[in-house]
Every structure is written in C-alpha cells, then in structure tokens.
C-alpha atoms as a PDB file:
ATOM      1  CA  MET A   1       1.067  -0.580  19.810  1.00  0.00           C
ATOM      2  CA  PHE A   2      -1.239  -1.690  16.518  1.00  0.00           C
ATOM      3  CA  LEU A   3      -0.026   0.864  14.085  1.00  0.00           C
ATOM      4  CA  GLY A   4       3.724   0.511  15.850  1.00  0.00           C
ATOM      5  CA  VAL A   5       3.268  -3.316  14.903  1.00  0.00           C
ATOM      6  CA  LEU A   6       2.009  -2.646  11.502  1.00  0.00           C
ATOM      7  CA  SER A   7       4.944  -0.808  10.829  1.00  0.00           C
ATOM      8  CA  SER A   8       7.464  -2.950  12.083  1.00  0.00           C
ATOM      9  CA  GLU A   9       5.979  -5.521  10.080  1.00  0.00           C
ATOM     10  CA  ILE A  10       6.292  -3.728   6.874  1.00  0.00           C
ATOM     11  CA  HIS A  11       9.800  -3.247   7.995  1.00  0.00           C
ATOM     12  CA  THR A  12      10.505  -7.197   8.717  1.00  0.00           C
ATOM     13  CA  ALA A  13       8.862  -7.935   5.728  1.00  0.00           C
ATOM     14  CA  TRP A  14      10.882  -5.791   3.767  1.00  0.00           C
ATOM     15  CA  SER A  15      14.116  -7.211   5.120  1.00  0.00           C
ATOM     16  CA  SER A  16      13.454 -10.336   5.129  1.00  0.00           C
ATOM     17  CA  VAL A  17      11.750 -10.206   1.433  1.00  0.00           C
ATOM     18  CA  ALA A  18      14.526  -7.938   0.104  1.00  0.00           C
ATOM     19  CA  GLY A  19      17.228 -10.643   0.458  1.00  0.00           C
ATOM     20  CA  GLY A  20      19.987  -8.211   0.824  1.00  0.00           C
ATOM     21  CA  ARG A  21      19.231  -5.080  -0.736  1.00  0.00           C
ATOM     22  CA  LEU A  22      20.680  -2.360   1.018  1.00  0.00           C
ATOM     23  CA  GLY A  23      20.425   1.064   0.740  1.00  0.00           C
ATOM     24  CA  VAL A  24      22.949   3.714   1.979  1.00  0.00           C
ATOM     25  CA  GLY A  25      25.639   2.037   3.878  1.00  0.00           C
ATOM     26  CA  ASN A  26      24.154  -1.148   5.584  1.00  0.00           C
ATOM     27  CA  ASP A  27      20.379   0.125   6.010  1.00  0.00           C
ATOM     28  CA  SER A  28      17.204  -1.452   4.734  1.00  0.00           C
ATOM     29  CA  ARG A  29      15.909   0.238   1.625  1.00  0.00           C
ATOM     30  CA  TYR A  30      12.293   0.604   1.632  1.00  0.00           C
ATOM     31  CA  ASN A  31      10.707  -0.738  -1.397  1.00  0.00           C
ATOM     32  CA  SER A  32       6.969   0.513  -1.606  1.00  0.00           C
ATOM     33  CA  THR A  33       6.114  -2.716  -3.933  1.00  0.00           C
ATOM     34  CA  ARG A  34       7.159  -5.336  -1.724  1.00  0.00           C
ATOM     35  CA  CYS A  35       6.241  -3.560   1.909  1.00  0.00           C
ATOM     36  CA  PHE A  36       3.582  -1.112   1.297  1.00  0.00           C
ATOM     37  CA  GLN A  37       1.612  -2.501  -1.684  1.00  0.00           C
ATOM     38  CA  PRO A  38       1.134  -6.133  -0.734  1.00  0.00           C
ATOM     39  CA  PHE A  39       0.484  -5.265   2.862  1.00  0.00           C
ATOM     40  CA  PRO A  40      -2.941  -6.644   4.034  1.00  0.00           C
ATOM     41  CA  PHE A  41      -5.236  -3.395   5.001  1.00  0.00           C
ATOM     42  CA  PRO A  42      -8.231  -3.856   6.420  1.00  0.00           C
ATOM     43  CA  THR A  43     -11.638  -3.142   4.723  1.00  0.00           C
ATOM     44  CA  PRO A  44     -13.070  -0.755   7.250  1.00  0.00           C
ATOM     45  CA  THR A  45     -16.895   0.532   6.865  1.00  0.00           C
ATOM     46  CA  GLU A  46     -17.439   4.444   5.886  1.00  0.00           C
ATOM     47  CA  ALA A  47     -18.554   4.748   9.898  1.00  0.00           C
ATOM     48  CA  GLN A  48     -14.933   3.348  10.763  1.00  0.00           C
ATOM     49  CA  GLN A  49     -13.069   5.142   7.927  1.00  0.00           C
ATOM     50  CA  GLU A  50     -14.184   8.357   9.230  1.00  0.00           C
ATOM     51  CA  GLN A  51     -13.281   7.485  12.872  1.00  0.00           C
ATOM     52  CA  ILE A  52     -10.071   7.045  11.614  1.00  0.00           C
ATOM     53  CA  ARG A  53      -9.307   9.877   9.749  1.00  0.00           C
ATOM     54  CA  GLY A  54     -10.610  12.146  12.240  1.00  0.00           C
ATOM     55  CA  ILE A  55      -8.138  10.848  14.876  1.00  0.00           C
ATOM     56  CA  ALA A  56      -5.349  10.777  12.502  1.00  0.00           C
ATOM     57  CA  GLU A  57      -6.336  14.248  11.625  1.00  0.00           C
ATOM     58  CA  GLN A  58      -6.262  15.352  15.271  1.00  0.00           C
ATOM     59  CA  LEU A  59      -2.900  13.517  15.520  1.00  0.00           C
ATOM     60  CA  ASP A  60      -1.497  15.293  13.063  1.00  0.00           C
ATOM     61  CA  ALA A  61      -2.573  18.696  14.189  1.00  0.00           C
ATOM     62  CA  HIS A  62      -1.585  17.862  17.932  1.00  0.00           C
ATOM     63  CA  ARG A  63       2.450  17.799  16.271  1.00  0.00           C
ATOM     64  CA  LYS A  64       2.128  20.438  13.747  1.00  0.00           C
ATOM     65  CA  GLN A  65       0.685  22.404  16.881  1.00  0.00           C
ATOM     66  CA  ARG A  66       3.305  22.023  19.358  1.00  0.00           C
ATOM     67  CA  GLN A  67       6.190  22.146  16.823  1.00  0.00           C
ATOM     68  CA  ALA A  68       4.925  25.438  15.896  1.00  0.00           C
ATOM     69  CA  GLN A  69       5.257  26.580  19.245  1.00  0.00           C
ATOM     70  CA  HIS A  70       8.218  24.713  20.034  1.00  0.00           C
ATOM     71  CA  PRO A  71      10.783  25.278  16.902  1.00  0.00           C
ATOM     72  CA  THR A  72      13.057  23.477  18.309  1.00  0.00           C
ATOM     73  CA  LEU A  73      10.987  20.159  19.021  1.00  0.00           C
ATOM     74  CA  THR A  74      11.578  17.396  16.743  1.00  0.00           C
ATOM     75  CA  ILE A  75       9.133  14.302  15.981  1.00  0.00           C
ATOM     76  CA  THR A  76      11.921  12.094  16.646  1.00  0.00           C
ATOM     77  CA  ASP A  77      12.449  13.412  20.148  1.00  0.00           C
ATOM     78  CA  MET A  78       8.486  12.976  21.130  1.00  0.00           C
ATOM     79  CA  TYR A  79       8.294   9.392  19.297  1.00  0.00           C
ATOM     80  CA  ASN A  80      11.259   8.759  22.010  1.00  0.00           C
ATOM     81  CA  VAL A  81       9.682   9.655  24.806  1.00  0.00           C
ATOM     82  CA  LEU A  82       6.275   8.385  23.654  1.00  0.00           C
ATOM     83  CA  GLU A  83       8.126   4.535  23.440  1.00  0.00           C
ATOM     84  CA  LYS A  84       9.548   5.432  27.004  1.00  0.00           C
ATOM     85  CA  LEU A  85       5.893   6.356  28.334  1.00  0.00           C
ATOM     86  CA  ARG A  86       4.745   3.304  26.750  1.00  0.00           C
ATOM     87  CA  SER A  87       7.580   1.063  28.292  1.00  0.00           C
ATOM     88  CA  GLY A  88       7.184   2.688  31.956  1.00  0.00           C
ATOM     89  CA  GLU A  89      10.885   3.875  31.556  1.00  0.00           C
ATOM     90  CA  ALA A  90      11.451   7.063  33.490  1.00  0.00           C
ATOM     91  CA  LEU A  91      12.396  10.156  31.930  1.00  0.00           C
ATOM     92  CA  ASN A  92      15.681  12.071  32.354  1.00  0.00           C
ATOM     93  CA  ALA A  93      15.966  15.866  32.487  1.00  0.00           C
ATOM     94  CA  LYS A  94      16.074  16.881  28.683  1.00  0.00           C
ATOM     95  CA  GLU A  95      12.876  14.123  27.747  1.00  0.00           C
ATOM     96  CA  GLN A  96      11.277  15.526  30.412  1.00  0.00           C
ATOM     97  CA  LYS A  97      11.464  18.842  28.666  1.00  0.00           C
ATOM     98  CA  THR A  98      10.175  17.041  25.220  1.00  0.00           C
ATOM     99  CA  HIS A  99       7.141  15.735  27.215  1.00  0.00           C
ATOM    100  CA  GLU A 100       6.101  19.288  28.178  1.00  0.00           C
ATOM    101  CA  GLN A 101       6.423  20.586  25.218  1.00  0.00           C
ATOM    102  CA  GLY A 102       5.290  18.272  22.625  1.00  0.00           C
ATOM    103  CA  LEU A 103       2.387  17.179  25.412  1.00  0.00           C
ATOM    104  CA  VAL A 104       3.518  13.795  24.568  1.00  0.00           C
ATOM    105  CA  SER A 105       0.611  12.250  26.687  1.00  0.00           C
ATOM    106  CA  ILE A 106      -1.807  13.633  25.084  1.00  0.00           C
ATOM    107  CA  LEU A 107       0.023  12.086  21.480  1.00  0.00           C
ATOM    108  CA  LEU A 108       0.139   9.128  22.870  1.00  0.00           C
ATOM    109  CA  GLN A 109      -3.732   8.790  23.914  1.00  0.00           C
ATOM    110  CA  LEU A 110      -4.236   9.954  20.276  1.00  0.00           C
ATOM    111  CA  HIS A 111      -2.068   6.775  19.233  1.00  0.00           C
ATOM    112  CA  GLN A 112      -3.750   4.665  21.495  1.00  0.00           C
ATOM    113  CA  GLU A 113      -7.476   5.894  20.174  1.00  0.00           C
ATOM    114  CA  LEU A 114      -6.055   5.261  16.631  1.00  0.00           C
ATOM    115  CA  ASP A 115      -4.671   1.659  17.243  1.00  0.00           C
ATOM    116  CA  ALA A 116      -7.985   0.587  18.713  1.00  0.00           C
ATOM    117  CA  ALA A 117      -9.873   1.865  15.604  1.00  0.00           C
ATOM    118  CA  VAL A 118      -7.429   0.530  13.268  1.00  0.00           C
ATOM    119  CA  ALA A 119      -8.126  -3.077  15.462  1.00  0.00           C
ATOM    120  CA  ALA A 120     -11.453  -2.498  15.288  1.00  0.00           C
ATOM    121  CA  ALA A 121     -11.247  -2.024  11.504  1.00  0.00           C
ATOM    122  CA  TYR A 122      -9.768  -5.580  11.250  1.00  0.00           C
ATOM    123  CA  GLY A 123     -12.401  -7.345  13.349  1.00  0.00           C
ATOM    124  CA  TRP A 124      -9.725  -7.871  15.873  1.00  0.00           C
ATOM    125  CA  PRO A 125      -9.583  -7.310  19.801  1.00  0.00           C
ATOM    126  CA  ASN A 126      -7.508  -3.803  20.642  1.00  0.00           C
ATOM    127  CA  ASN A 127      -5.145  -5.895  23.131  1.00  0.00           C
ATOM    128  CA  LEU A 128      -3.553  -8.642  21.011  1.00  0.00           C
ATOM    129  CA  PRO A 129      -0.104  -9.189  21.729  1.00  0.00           C
ATOM    130  CA  GLU A 130       2.685  -8.370  18.916  1.00  0.00           C
ATOM    131  CA  GLU A 131       3.163 -11.796  18.055  1.00  0.00           C
ATOM    132  CA  ALA A 132      -0.531 -12.410  17.526  1.00  0.00           C
ATOM    133  CA  ILE A 133      -0.895  -9.098  15.498  1.00  0.00           C
ATOM    134  CA  LEU A 134       2.000 -10.705  13.265  1.00  0.00           C
ATOM    135  CA  GLU A 135       0.870 -13.870  12.736  1.00  0.00           C
ATOM    136  CA  ARG A 136      -2.777 -12.772  11.568  1.00  0.00           C
ATOM    137  CA  LEU A 137      -1.302  -9.894   9.220  1.00  0.00           C
ATOM    138  CA  VAL A 138       0.614 -12.790   7.666  1.00  0.00           C
ATOM    139  CA  ALA A 139      -2.458 -15.117   7.444  1.00  0.00           C
ATOM    140  CA  LEU A 140      -4.390 -11.946   5.873  1.00  0.00           C
ATOM    141  CA  ASN A 141      -1.768 -11.510   3.721  1.00  0.00           C
ATOM    142  CA  LYS A 142      -2.112 -15.299   2.188  1.00  0.00           C
ATOM    143  CA  GLU A 143      -6.013 -14.817   1.905  1.00  0.00           C
ATOM    144  CA  ARG A 144      -5.510 -11.509  -0.132  1.00  0.00           C
ATOM    145  CA  ALA A 145      -2.734 -13.136  -2.386  1.00  0.00           C
ATOM    146  CA  ALA A 146      -5.175 -16.080  -3.237  1.00  0.00           C
ATOM    147  CA  GLU A 147      -8.063 -13.844  -3.973  1.00  0.00           C
ATOM    148  CA  GLU A 148      -5.835 -11.738  -6.101  1.00  0.00           C
ATOM    149  CA  ALA A 149      -5.159 -15.122  -7.814  1.00  0.00           C
ATOM    150  CA  ARG A 150      -8.623 -15.909  -8.597  1.00  0.00           C
ATOM    151  CA  GLY A 151      -9.112 -12.366  -9.705  1.00  0.00           C
ATOM    152  CA  HIS A 152     -10.718 -10.477  -6.991  1.00  0.00           C
ATOM    153  CA  ILE A 153      -8.983  -7.275  -6.015  1.00  0.00           C
ATOM    154  CA  ARG A 154      -9.642  -4.953  -2.562  1.00  0.00           C
ATOM    155  CA  TRP A 155      -8.454  -1.485  -4.322  1.00  0.00           C
ATOM    156  CA  LEU A 156      -6.775   0.378  -1.851  1.00  0.00           C
ATOM    157  CA  ARG A 157      -7.945   3.784  -3.391  1.00  0.00           C
ATOM    158  CA  PRO A 158     -10.622   2.542  -5.602  1.00  0.00           C
ATOM    159  CA  ALA A 159     -11.720   6.125  -6.644  1.00  0.00           C
ATOM    160  CA  TYR A 160      -7.981   6.236  -8.201  1.00  0.00           C
ATOM    161  CA  GLN A 161      -7.026   2.812  -9.303  1.00  0.00           C
ATOM    162  CA  ASN A 162     -10.739   1.983 -10.253  1.00  0.00           C
ATOM    163  CA  PRO A 163     -12.516   5.021 -11.048  1.00  0.00           C
ATOM    164  CA  GLN A 164     -14.973   3.141 -13.458  1.00  0.00           C
ATOM    165  CA  GLY A 165     -16.008   1.005 -10.726  1.00  0.00           C
ATOM    166  CA  ALA A 166     -15.390  -1.916 -13.131  1.00  0.00           C
ATOM    167  CA  GLN A 167     -16.969  -5.440 -10.888  1.00  0.00           C
ATOM    168  CA  GLN A 168     -14.046  -8.305 -10.366  1.00  0.00           C
ATOM    169  CA  ALA A 169     -15.599 -11.478 -10.577  1.00  0.00           C
ATOM    170  CA  ASP A 170     -14.265 -14.549  -8.754  1.00  0.00           C
ATOM    171  CA  MET A 171     -12.591 -17.096 -11.390  1.00  0.00           C
ATOM    172  CA  GLY A 172     -11.862 -19.817  -9.603  1.00  0.00           C
ATOM    173  CA  ILE A 173      -8.089 -21.120  -8.820  1.00  0.00           C
ATOM    174  CA  GLU A 174      -8.920 -23.874 -11.831  1.00  0.00           C
ATOM    175  CA  ALA A 175     -10.366 -21.091 -14.293  1.00  0.00           C
ATOM    176  CA  LYS A 176      -8.223 -20.275 -17.300  1.00  0.00           C
ATOM    177  CA  ALA A 177      -7.312 -16.619 -17.372  1.00  0.00           C
ATOM    178  CA  LYS A 178      -9.491 -14.705 -20.361  1.00  0.00           C
ATOM    179  CA  THR A 179      -8.363 -11.537 -22.015  1.00  0.00           C
ATOM    180  CA  ILE A 180     -11.174  -8.873 -21.074  1.00  0.00           C
ATOM    181  CA  LYS A 181     -11.431  -7.551 -24.471  1.00  0.00           C
ATOM    182  CA  ALA A 182     -13.523  -4.085 -24.739  1.00  0.00           C
ATOM    183  CA  THR A 183     -15.585  -3.646 -27.859  1.00  0.00           C
ATOM    184  CA  ALA A 184     -14.877  -2.327 -30.826  1.00  0.00           C
ATOM    185  CA  LYS A 185     -16.084   1.136 -30.258  1.00  0.00           C
ATOM    186  CA  GLU A 186     -14.066   1.534 -26.646  1.00  0.00           C
ATOM    187  CA  VAL A 187     -10.919  -0.393 -27.804  1.00  0.00           C
ATOM    188  CA  PRO A 188      -8.509   2.543 -27.391  1.00  0.00           C
ATOM    189  CA  ALA A 189      -5.791   3.309 -30.175  1.00  0.00           C
ATOM    190  CA  TRP A 190      -1.958   3.507 -28.986  1.00  0.00           C
ATOM    191  CA  PRO A 191      -0.895   6.937 -27.806  1.00  0.00           C
ATOM    192  CA  LYS A 192       1.838   9.015 -29.394  1.00  0.00           C
ATOM    193  CA  THR A 193       3.730  10.289 -26.682  1.00  0.00           C
ATOM    194  CA  LEU A 194       5.738   8.204 -24.258  1.00  0.00           C
ATOM    195  CA  SER A 195       3.252   9.965 -21.064  1.00  0.00           C
ATOM    196  CA  GLU A 196       0.488   9.099 -22.892  1.00  0.00           C
ATOM    197  CA  GLN A 197       1.394   5.662 -23.508  1.00  0.00           C
ATOM    198  CA  ALA A 198       2.022   5.206 -19.861  1.00  0.00           C
ATOM    199  CA  GLN A 199      -1.656   6.596 -18.688  1.00  0.00           C
ATOM    200  CA  ALA A 200      -2.911   3.772 -21.482  1.00  0.00           C
ATOM    201  CA  VAL A 201      -1.166   0.823 -19.959  1.00  0.00           C
ATOM    202  CA  GLN A 202      -2.088   1.605 -16.433  1.00  0.00           C
ATOM    203  CA  ARG A 203      -5.879   2.618 -17.516  1.00  0.00           C
ATOM    204  CA  ALA A 204      -5.751  -0.628 -19.988  1.00  0.00           C
ATOM    205  CA  LEU A 205      -4.173  -2.850 -16.544  1.00  0.00           C
ATOM    206  CA  GLN A 206      -7.129  -1.591 -14.374  1.00  0.00           C
ATOM    207  CA  LEU A 207      -9.794  -2.445 -17.466  1.00  0.00           C
ATOM    208  CA  HIS A 208      -8.058  -5.959 -17.409  1.00  0.00           C
ATOM    209  CA  GLU A 209      -9.140  -6.201 -13.235  1.00  0.00           C
ATOM    210  CA  ARG A 210      -6.820  -8.942 -12.784  1.00  0.00           C
ATOM    211  CA  PRO A 211      -2.738  -9.191 -12.949  1.00  0.00           C
ATOM    212  CA  ALA A 212      -1.856  -9.205 -16.367  1.00  0.00           C
ATOM    213  CA  THR A 213       1.164  -9.602 -18.720  1.00  0.00           C
ATOM    214  CA  ALA A 214       2.500  -7.455 -22.001  1.00  0.00           C
ATOM    215  CA  GLU A 215       0.954  -9.704 -24.103  1.00  0.00           C
ATOM    216  CA  ASP A 216      -2.406  -9.330 -22.465  1.00  0.00           C
ATOM    217  CA  LEU A 217      -2.180  -5.590 -22.745  1.00  0.00           C
ATOM    218  CA  LEU A 218      -1.428  -5.493 -26.204  1.00  0.00           C
ATOM    219  CA  HIS A 219      -4.899  -6.913 -27.052  1.00  0.00           C
ATOM    220  CA  GLN A 220      -6.567  -3.991 -25.134  1.00  0.00           C
ATOM    221  CA  PHE A 221      -5.446  -1.479 -27.877  1.00  0.00           C
ATOM    222  CA  LYS A 222      -6.706  -0.893 -31.560  1.00  0.00           C
ATOM    223  CA  PRO A 223      -5.062  -4.244 -33.319  1.00  0.00           C
ATOM    224  CA  ILE A 224      -1.950  -3.634 -35.395  1.00  0.00           C
ATOM    225  CA  ALA A 225      -0.322  -5.221 -38.062  1.00  0.00           C
ATOM    226  CA  LYS A 226       1.902  -8.702 -37.084  1.00  0.00           C
ATOM    227  CA  LEU A 227       5.142  -7.324 -38.094  1.00  0.00           C
ATOM    228  CA  GLN A 228       4.388  -4.221 -35.784  1.00  0.00           C
ATOM    229  CA  GLN A 229       2.929  -6.577 -32.495  1.00  0.00           C
ATOM    230  CA  PRO A 230       6.691  -7.430 -31.232  1.00  0.00           C
ATOM    231  CA  GLN A 231       7.739  -3.591 -31.337  1.00  0.00           C
ATOM    232  CA  ARG A 232       4.587  -2.612 -29.553  1.00  0.00           C
ATOM    233  CA  LEU A 233       5.094  -5.857 -27.284  1.00  0.00           C
ATOM    234  CA  GLN A 234       8.354  -4.503 -25.912  1.00  0.00           C
ATOM    235  CA  GLN A 235       7.076  -1.396 -25.513  1.00  0.00           C
ATOM    236  CA  ILE A 236       4.159  -2.455 -23.173  1.00  0.00           C
ATOM    237  CA  ASP A 237       6.381  -4.493 -21.344  1.00  0.00           C
ATOM    238  CA  SER A 238       8.763  -1.853 -20.925  1.00  0.00           C
ATOM    239  CA  LEU A 239       6.480   0.413 -19.287  1.00  0.00           C
ATOM    240  CA  LEU A 240       4.989  -1.718 -17.088  1.00  0.00           C
ATOM    241  CA  GLN A 241       8.538  -2.585 -15.786  1.00  0.00           C
ATOM    242  CA  THR A 242       9.480   1.311 -15.753  1.00  0.00           C
ATOM    243  CA  LEU A 243       6.032   1.945 -13.562  1.00  0.00           C
ATOM    244  CA  HIS A 244       6.541  -0.852 -11.433  1.00  0.00           C
ATOM    245  CA  GLY A 245       9.756   0.207 -10.492  1.00  0.00           C
ATOM    246  CA  LEU A 246       8.486   3.891  -9.653  1.00  0.00           C
ATOM    247  CA  GLY A 247       6.122   1.781  -7.305  1.00  0.00           C
ATOM    248  CA  LEU A 248       3.062   2.593  -9.651  1.00  0.00           C
ATOM    249  CA  LEU A 249       2.305  -1.437 -10.301  1.00  0.00           C
ATOM    250  CA  ARG A 250       2.989  -4.464  -8.724  1.00  0.00           C
ATOM    251  CA  LYS A 251       4.516  -7.613 -10.074  1.00  0.00           C
ATOM    252  CA  THR A 252       3.385 -11.111  -8.846  1.00  0.00           C
ATOM    253  CA  GLU A 253       5.265 -14.619  -8.528  1.00  0.00           C
ATOM    254  CA  GLN A 254       4.030 -15.242 -11.763  1.00  0.00           C
ATOM    255  CA  ASP A 255       5.614 -12.266 -13.490  1.00  0.00           C
ATOM    256  CA  GLN A 256       1.950 -10.429 -14.115  1.00  0.00           C
ATOM    257  CA  TYR A 257       1.620  -7.347 -13.353  1.00  0.00           C
ATOM    258  CA  VAL A 258      -1.226  -5.339 -11.200  1.00  0.00           C
ATOM    259  CA  LYS A 259      -2.246  -1.994  -9.770  1.00  0.00           C
END
C-alpha cells in the first residue's frame, strides 16, 4: 500500500502541476523533473537501506522467476490480481490462473514487507491511511524546498551527484547568495567539445552546492575577455536548458538550476 500510494502521489503531483501537458491522446505525460526529482524521498540509515535493497531484490527475482517459468504471464496481469487480493475481491478463472502461476500471494507479501521498510525509513507508522500519507508527503516536500532555498541539498545519489562530498552550508533565508569561487589553481578552463562542456556545467553546478543561474556558473571557469562573456553565458544557459529538458537538472521557481 505504501509504495502504491507513493506512485499515485507522483502521478497526482504531475497531473496537477503539468497544467494540461499531455502525451499521446489524452494520457498524462511523465516528466522526471516535475515528478521524480522533487519527490521527498526518505533519508534511511545504512541498515534500512540494506533492508529495502534486500526486499526489492527478492521481489524482482520473484517476478522474473515466475515469468521465466510462464512466458505468457505479464507484470500487468500479476498486479491486477495483486490489487484484487488487497481489496478482498473474488478472482475469476483467468485471474486465479494468474494467481497460481505468479504466486501472487508471495508477491503481495513482499510488497507489504517493502512498504513497512519504506515507512520505517520515513519514521512513519506502517498503517497510515492514504490521505495521511499524501498529507505527510506534501508537508515533507515543502520542508525540503525550504531547505534547498537555504542552500542545504539532500543528494539522492551522493556518490554520483556530489562525488567530492562538498559540505552544504545552511545559508539562512535572508542571507545573500554568494558565488562559490574556487582557487585559481582549481578553476577549470572552458572545454572545447560540446559533450565536455555539458559535463563541465554539471560539475560546476555540483560544486556550487545550491541553485544557480548561468551567470553564477560563468564564474566557475577561468576568466575571459568581457566581449566574450555574453557568448559564453549563452552557451552555459543553453546547456542548462538542455540538461533540464533531459531530466538531468531541476529548475526552481526562481529560474535557477540544481542537480
């Protein structure tokens, strides 16, 4: 139930924020920068991470093993039956066959264990109703947004997003943002190729530690003549927009970017 509610919240948040953006036909279109990246994930301990990882691996292995034994068995069929088991509805003959082939009762048990582990990672009771879970997620999202506005970022994948382990300072809401300048020895030159430039922009944004504009990142590279600065600024801004479009960066309401 818990993870099912989280998935529903992602879809609901997207549908309400997207303002009518649709995919094929009238279907909602998933956008990672609006749904996945702003989502308030928990901050589990190492033990909790290991527990969640272990259950998730069991769940994945179970589904693959059942589908390998029954090639016509689909994930959709299994989860349609799983939802009926949750609600206590009776299964028809076709669904009963899916239940037997997919061992859906075991699949349901694994999901219940995973739900409990995720709830514990949030520090919440496991038996919260859906409405309470959604209310807590919305409140947590607001808390995280306020943290980022103060300069504190909770990296989802620190090893990838913040490999240097740079410390984040709580700047305070009223504090003026100051551009973080590396020492002359550390300031990189602007790369020549487009792919290297994209990597350099992402790296500069990581080192900046807080939401930044193209102008902020301009100062993360070796200085150039004033006449060349508008062109460089345009290059950085274009790369930020492209990376944002690919879902690699998030754009704030203040038109700043953050990893």
